[in-house]
Structure formats: structure tokens, C-alpha cells
Amino acid sequence: MVATEQARAPRPKGTPGALSLWMQRKANASTATKIRRKGGHMMGMDLLVLHTVGRRTGEPRENPLAWFDDGDGGRLVVASGGGSRHPGWYANLVAHPERAAVELHGSEPVPVTPHVLDDAERARVWSRIAAEAPTIDKHQRKSERQYPVVRLTPVQAGA
């Protein structure tokens, strides 16, 4: 065994390994391409491409996500997945909120202001999210962590 392998700490339970992350990036790229070419509706959900930058690398990242209308011109996204911790896109979004943008089918990315909903705001929208996406609700009920809900509001020109 190489010394660096001996010093490597075991991966925490519930966190993705290198192969899983690689597969996820490939799947994300493929899905983002499908959204751009064929539209943003798959598996009964509306999808968008969230543009962020890596919190450590500063490299651009794209994640296809299901979204829900917030009724005020913004979109709600749920930080589901990621095992026992929040998904990477969420950590990137929180680290660099000023670099976030949303891309819908047929449009260029639009800068957005992300707002993580507090418990009361989240409770108000969760029943609608659960009704529109029962799978997300099912996974939330099985998870030990509460999935954050983020409102993405388009940045007004000149603001």
C-alpha cells in the first residue's frame, strides 16, 4: 500500500465517491444538453440549468434541477440528493451567490439572486412541492437532513 493511501481518511458514510461524482457530472452534462435541445420537461418535472462556480475551484458548474414556480416570477429548487450532506451545487451556490444564473430551454442564462428559505417559508411551499414531485417528498421523509429550498429570483437589469 502506498503511503498516501494509508494516510487517506475513509470517506464519510453517505457521501459520494470519485466514481459516483464522475458519473454524476457526465449525467448532468447530458441532461443539460437535452434541456437545451429538446426542452426543459422530463419525468413529469420542469427542469432548468443552474449555473454556479465551484466553491474551491472557481470553475463554472452546470446542474440540471427540477424547479417549481414561486408565484412571484422566481423559481424554487430543492437541495435534494447528496446523501447525508447537501449536494455540491448547493454548497457552490451558498459560497458564491453573486455568480448564480438560471438557464431555461431556448434562453441564455439569466443572473439570479438565491435566497435559502427559512423554516416558516419552507413549510409554506413544501406541500405544493410534495404534491408536484412526490419522489422528492418521499426521499425527504427518509433523509436525516432537511432539504433546503432555495428561491431563485431574476436580477433586475440595472440593479
C-alpha atoms as a PDB file:
ATOM      1  CA  MET A   1       0.000   0.000   0.000  1.00  0.00           C
ATOM      2  CA  VAL A   2       1.299   3.455  -0.916  1.00  0.00           C
ATOM      3  CA  ALA A   3       1.881   5.873   1.961  1.00  0.00           C
ATOM      4  CA  THR A   4      -0.631   8.373   0.594  1.00  0.00           C
ATOM      5  CA  GLU A   5      -3.330   5.678   0.553  1.00  0.00           C
ATOM      6  CA  GLN A   6      -2.611   4.837   4.186  1.00  0.00           C
ATOM      7  CA  ALA A   7      -2.940   8.496   5.207  1.00  0.00           C
ATOM      8  CA  ARG A   8      -6.196   8.981   3.289  1.00  0.00           C
ATOM      9  CA  ALA A   9      -9.139   9.190   5.652  1.00  0.00           C
ATOM     10  CA  PRO A  10     -12.117   6.984   4.846  1.00  0.00           C
ATOM     11  CA  ARG A  11     -14.955   8.688   3.002  1.00  0.00           C
ATOM     12  CA  PRO A  12     -17.781   9.587   5.401  1.00  0.00           C
ATOM     13  CA  LYS A  13     -20.853   7.381   5.124  1.00  0.00           C
ATOM     14  CA  GLY A  14     -23.460   8.802   2.798  1.00  0.00           C
ATOM     15  CA  THR A  15     -21.049  10.881   0.719  1.00  0.00           C
ATOM     16  CA  PRO A  16     -20.310  10.171  -2.950  1.00  0.00           C
ATOM     17  CA  GLY A  17     -17.002   8.728  -4.046  1.00  0.00           C
ATOM     18  CA  ALA A  18     -14.882   9.760  -7.032  1.00  0.00           C
ATOM     19  CA  LEU A  19     -16.581   7.361  -9.464  1.00  0.00           C
ATOM     20  CA  SER A  20     -20.035   8.492  -8.359  1.00  0.00           C
ATOM     21  CA  LEU A  21     -19.077  12.156  -8.771  1.00  0.00           C
ATOM     22  CA  TRP A  22     -17.663  11.470 -12.254  1.00  0.00           C
ATOM     23  CA  MET A  23     -20.850   9.666 -13.292  1.00  0.00           C
ATOM     24  CA  GLN A  24     -22.967  12.478 -11.874  1.00  0.00           C
ATOM     25  CA  ARG A  25     -21.023  15.118 -13.840  1.00  0.00           C
ATOM     26  CA  LYS A  26     -21.454  13.119 -17.063  1.00  0.00           C
ATOM     27  CA  ALA A  27     -25.188  12.676 -16.424  1.00  0.00           C
ATOM     28  CA  ASN A  28     -25.568  16.387 -15.590  1.00  0.00           C
ATOM     29  CA  ALA A  29     -23.834  17.403 -18.835  1.00  0.00           C
ATOM     30  CA  SER A  30     -26.042  15.051 -20.848  1.00  0.00           C
ATOM     31  CA  THR A  31     -29.241  16.283 -19.198  1.00  0.00           C
ATOM     32  CA  ALA A  32     -28.246  19.949 -19.627  1.00  0.00           C
ATOM     33  CA  THR A  33     -27.717  19.262 -23.349  1.00  0.00           C
ATOM     34  CA  LYS A  34     -31.159  17.635 -23.588  1.00  0.00           C
ATOM     35  CA  ILE A  35     -32.765  20.628 -21.847  1.00  0.00           C
ATOM     36  CA  ARG A  36     -31.123  22.971 -24.355  1.00  0.00           C
ATOM     37  CA  ARG A  37     -32.080  20.872 -27.396  1.00  0.00           C
ATOM     38  CA  LYS A  38     -35.432  19.348 -26.549  1.00  0.00           C
ATOM     39  CA  GLY A  39     -36.937  21.418 -23.750  1.00  0.00           C
ATOM     40  CA  GLY A  40     -36.992  21.540 -20.023  1.00  0.00           C
ATOM     41  CA  HIS A  41     -39.614  18.959 -19.150  1.00  0.00           C
ATOM     42  CA  MET A  42     -38.582  15.429 -18.172  1.00  0.00           C
ATOM     43  CA  MET A  43     -40.045  12.734 -15.952  1.00  0.00           C
ATOM     44  CA  GLY A  44     -43.056  14.923 -15.234  1.00  0.00           C
ATOM     45  CA  MET A  45     -40.990  17.838 -13.904  1.00  0.00           C
ATOM     46  CA  ASP A  46     -39.905  21.200 -15.273  1.00  0.00           C
ATOM     47  CA  LEU A  47     -36.121  21.465 -15.412  1.00  0.00           C
ATOM     48  CA  LEU A  48     -33.649  24.311 -15.580  1.00  0.00           C
ATOM     49  CA  VAL A  49     -29.877  24.506 -15.741  1.00  0.00           C
ATOM     50  CA  LEU A  50     -28.378  26.196 -12.692  1.00  0.00           C
ATOM     51  CA  HIS A  51     -25.054  27.900 -13.358  1.00  0.00           C
ATOM     52  CA  THR A  52     -22.718  28.272 -10.373  1.00  0.00           C
ATOM     53  CA  VAL A  53     -18.976  28.297  -9.776  1.00  0.00           C
ATOM     54  CA  GLY A  54     -17.080  25.776  -7.692  1.00  0.00           C
ATOM     55  CA  ARG A  55     -16.593  26.979  -4.137  1.00  0.00           C
ATOM     56  CA  ARG A  56     -12.990  25.758  -4.069  1.00  0.00           C
ATOM     57  CA  THR A  57     -12.019  25.739  -7.747  1.00  0.00           C
ATOM     58  CA  GLY A  58     -13.865  28.773  -9.089  1.00  0.00           C
ATOM     59  CA  GLU A  59     -14.622  26.668 -12.178  1.00  0.00           C
ATOM     60  CA  PRO A  60     -18.031  27.019 -13.870  1.00  0.00           C
ATOM     61  CA  ARG A  61     -20.579  24.350 -12.955  1.00  0.00           C
ATOM     62  CA  GLU A  62     -23.934  23.442 -14.510  1.00  0.00           C
ATOM     63  CA  ASN A  63     -26.595  21.397 -12.764  1.00  0.00           C
ATOM     64  CA  PRO A  64     -29.968  20.407 -14.181  1.00  0.00           C
ATOM     65  CA  LEU A  65     -32.586  20.792 -11.462  1.00  0.00           C
ATOM     66  CA  ALA A  66     -36.327  20.434 -11.112  1.00  0.00           C
ATOM     67  CA  TRP A  67     -37.944  23.763 -10.389  1.00  0.00           C
ATOM     68  CA  PHE A  68     -41.249  24.962  -9.030  1.00  0.00           C
ATOM     69  CA  ASP A  69     -42.936  28.315  -9.675  1.00  0.00           C
ATOM     70  CA  ASP A  70     -42.915  30.511  -6.578  1.00  0.00           C
ATOM     71  CA  GLY A  71     -45.807  32.644  -7.858  1.00  0.00           C
ATOM     72  CA  ASP A  72     -43.742  35.864  -7.884  1.00  0.00           C
ATOM     73  CA  GLY A  73     -41.631  35.335 -11.006  1.00  0.00           C
ATOM     74  CA  GLY A  74     -38.973  33.324  -9.213  1.00  0.00           C
ATOM     75  CA  ARG A  75     -38.257  29.620  -9.162  1.00  0.00           C
ATOM     76  CA  LEU A  76     -37.891  27.273  -6.227  1.00  0.00           C
ATOM     77  CA  VAL A  77     -35.304  24.482  -6.261  1.00  0.00           C
ATOM     78  CA  VAL A  78     -34.786  21.764  -3.650  1.00  0.00           C
ATOM     79  CA  ALA A  79     -31.326  20.688  -2.481  1.00  0.00           C
ATOM     80  CA  SER A  80     -32.222  17.008  -2.512  1.00  0.00           C
ATOM     81  CA  GLY A  81     -29.704  14.286  -3.233  1.00  0.00           C
ATOM     82  CA  GLY A  82     -26.154  14.423  -1.958  1.00  0.00           C
ATOM     83  CA  GLY A  83     -26.573  11.639   0.589  1.00  0.00           C
ATOM     84  CA  SER A  84     -26.004  12.730   4.173  1.00  0.00           C
ATOM     85  CA  ARG A  85     -24.861  16.208   3.198  1.00  0.00           C
ATOM     86  CA  HIS A  86     -26.160  18.909   0.891  1.00  0.00           C
ATOM     87  CA  PRO A  87     -25.344  18.474  -2.805  1.00  0.00           C
ATOM     88  CA  GLY A  88     -22.303  20.212  -4.246  1.00  0.00           C
ATOM     89  CA  TRP A  89     -24.359  22.675  -6.300  1.00  0.00           C
ATOM     90  CA  TYR A  90     -25.965  23.957  -3.093  1.00  0.00           C
ATOM     91  CA  ALA A  91     -22.597  24.493  -1.393  1.00  0.00           C
ATOM     92  CA  ASN A  92     -21.363  26.309  -4.511  1.00  0.00           C
ATOM     93  CA  LEU A  93     -24.488  28.477  -4.626  1.00  0.00           C
ATOM     94  CA  VAL A  94     -24.170  29.466  -0.962  1.00  0.00           C
ATOM     95  CA  ALA A  95     -20.429  30.171  -1.336  1.00  0.00           C
ATOM     96  CA  HIS A  96     -20.848  32.354  -4.443  1.00  0.00           C
ATOM     97  CA  PRO A  97     -24.463  33.571  -4.665  1.00  0.00           C
ATOM     98  CA  GLU A  98     -23.433  36.551  -6.796  1.00  0.00           C
ATOM     99  CA  ARG A  99     -22.289  34.184  -9.593  1.00  0.00           C
ATOM    100  CA  ALA A 100     -25.584  32.247  -9.927  1.00  0.00           C
ATOM    101  CA  ALA A 101     -27.617  32.145 -13.128  1.00  0.00           C
ATOM    102  CA  VAL A 102     -30.541  30.124 -14.454  1.00  0.00           C
ATOM    103  CA  GLU A 103     -30.936  28.836 -17.991  1.00  0.00           C
ATOM    104  CA  LEU A 104     -34.271  27.690 -19.366  1.00  0.00           C
ATOM    105  CA  HIS A 105     -34.859  25.945 -22.684  1.00  0.00           C
ATOM    106  CA  GLY A 106     -34.389  28.393 -25.526  1.00  0.00           C
ATOM    107  CA  SER A 107     -32.871  31.189 -23.454  1.00  0.00           C
ATOM    108  CA  GLU A 108     -29.487  32.427 -22.358  1.00  0.00           C
ATOM    109  CA  PRO A 109     -28.519  32.174 -18.671  1.00  0.00           C
ATOM    110  CA  VAL A 110     -30.135  34.902 -16.563  1.00  0.00           C
ATOM    111  CA  PRO A 111     -28.439  36.090 -13.351  1.00  0.00           C
ATOM    112  CA  VAL A 112     -30.452  35.275 -10.230  1.00  0.00           C
ATOM    113  CA  THR A 113     -30.383  36.132  -6.564  1.00  0.00           C
ATOM    114  CA  PRO A 114     -30.645  32.974  -4.448  1.00  0.00           C
ATOM    115  CA  HIS A 115     -32.477  33.047  -1.119  1.00  0.00           C
ATOM    116  CA  VAL A 116     -32.500  29.987   1.147  1.00  0.00           C
ATOM    117  CA  LEU A 117     -35.965  29.774   2.675  1.00  0.00           C
ATOM    118  CA  ASP A 118     -36.214  29.783   6.442  1.00  0.00           C
ATOM    119  CA  ASP A 119     -38.263  27.096   8.197  1.00  0.00           C
ATOM    120  CA  ALA A 120     -41.547  29.041   8.052  1.00  0.00           C
ATOM    121  CA  GLU A 121     -41.160  29.942   4.355  1.00  0.00           C
ATOM    122  CA  ARG A 122     -40.136  26.377   3.531  1.00  0.00           C
ATOM    123  CA  ALA A 123     -43.170  24.948   5.349  1.00  0.00           C
ATOM    124  CA  ARG A 124     -45.478  27.224   3.309  1.00  0.00           C
ATOM    125  CA  VAL A 125     -44.182  25.918  -0.040  1.00  0.00           C
ATOM    126  CA  TRP A 126     -43.343  22.310   0.835  1.00  0.00           C
ATOM    127  CA  SER A 127     -46.862  20.897   0.479  1.00  0.00           C
ATOM    128  CA  ARG A 128     -47.048  22.226  -3.093  1.00  0.00           C
ATOM    129  CA  ILE A 129     -43.574  20.858  -3.911  1.00  0.00           C
ATOM    130  CA  ALA A 130     -44.531  17.483  -2.410  1.00  0.00           C
ATOM    131  CA  ALA A 131     -47.722  17.383  -4.482  1.00  0.00           C
ATOM    132  CA  GLU A 132     -45.883  18.255  -7.715  1.00  0.00           C
ATOM    133  CA  ALA A 133     -42.896  15.966  -7.038  1.00  0.00           C
ATOM    134  CA  PRO A 134     -43.872  13.099  -4.715  1.00  0.00           C
ATOM    135  CA  THR A 135     -40.483  11.436  -5.233  1.00  0.00           C
ATOM    136  CA  ILE A 136     -38.665  14.407  -3.684  1.00  0.00           C
ATOM    137  CA  ASP A 137     -41.045  14.296  -0.722  1.00  0.00           C
ATOM    138  CA  LYS A 138     -40.528  10.525  -0.352  1.00  0.00           C
ATOM    139  CA  HIS A 139     -36.746  10.950  -0.254  1.00  0.00           C
ATOM    140  CA  GLN A 140     -37.067  13.855   2.198  1.00  0.00           C
ATOM    141  CA  ARG A 141     -39.091  11.716   4.588  1.00  0.00           C
ATOM    142  CA  LYS A 142     -36.342   9.058   4.525  1.00  0.00           C
ATOM    143  CA  SER A 143     -33.460  11.511   4.939  1.00  0.00           C
ATOM    144  CA  GLU A 144     -31.874  12.535   8.233  1.00  0.00           C
ATOM    145  CA  ARG A 145     -31.244  16.050   6.940  1.00  0.00           C
ATOM    146  CA  GLN A 146     -33.802  18.637   5.915  1.00  0.00           C
ATOM    147  CA  TYR A 147     -33.545  19.516   2.241  1.00  0.00           C
ATOM    148  CA  PRO A 148     -33.077  23.262   1.818  1.00  0.00           C
ATOM    149  CA  VAL A 149     -35.415  25.061  -0.563  1.00  0.00           C
ATOM    150  CA  VAL A 150     -33.900  27.977  -2.490  1.00  0.00           C
ATOM    151  CA  ARG A 151     -35.807  30.757  -4.230  1.00  0.00           C
ATOM    152  CA  LEU A 152     -34.019  31.948  -7.383  1.00  0.00           C
ATOM    153  CA  THR A 153     -35.188  35.438  -8.296  1.00  0.00           C
ATOM    154  CA  PRO A 154     -34.068  37.005 -11.592  1.00  0.00           C
ATOM    155  CA  VAL A 155     -31.808  40.031 -11.096  1.00  0.00           C
ATOM    156  CA  GLN A 156     -33.425  43.165 -12.460  1.00  0.00           C
ATOM    157  CA  ALA A 157     -31.444  44.955 -15.171  1.00  0.00           C
ATOM    158  CA  GLY A 158     -29.513  47.876 -13.693  1.00  0.00           C
ATOM    159  CA  ALA A 159     -29.970  46.560 -10.133  1.00  0.00           C
END
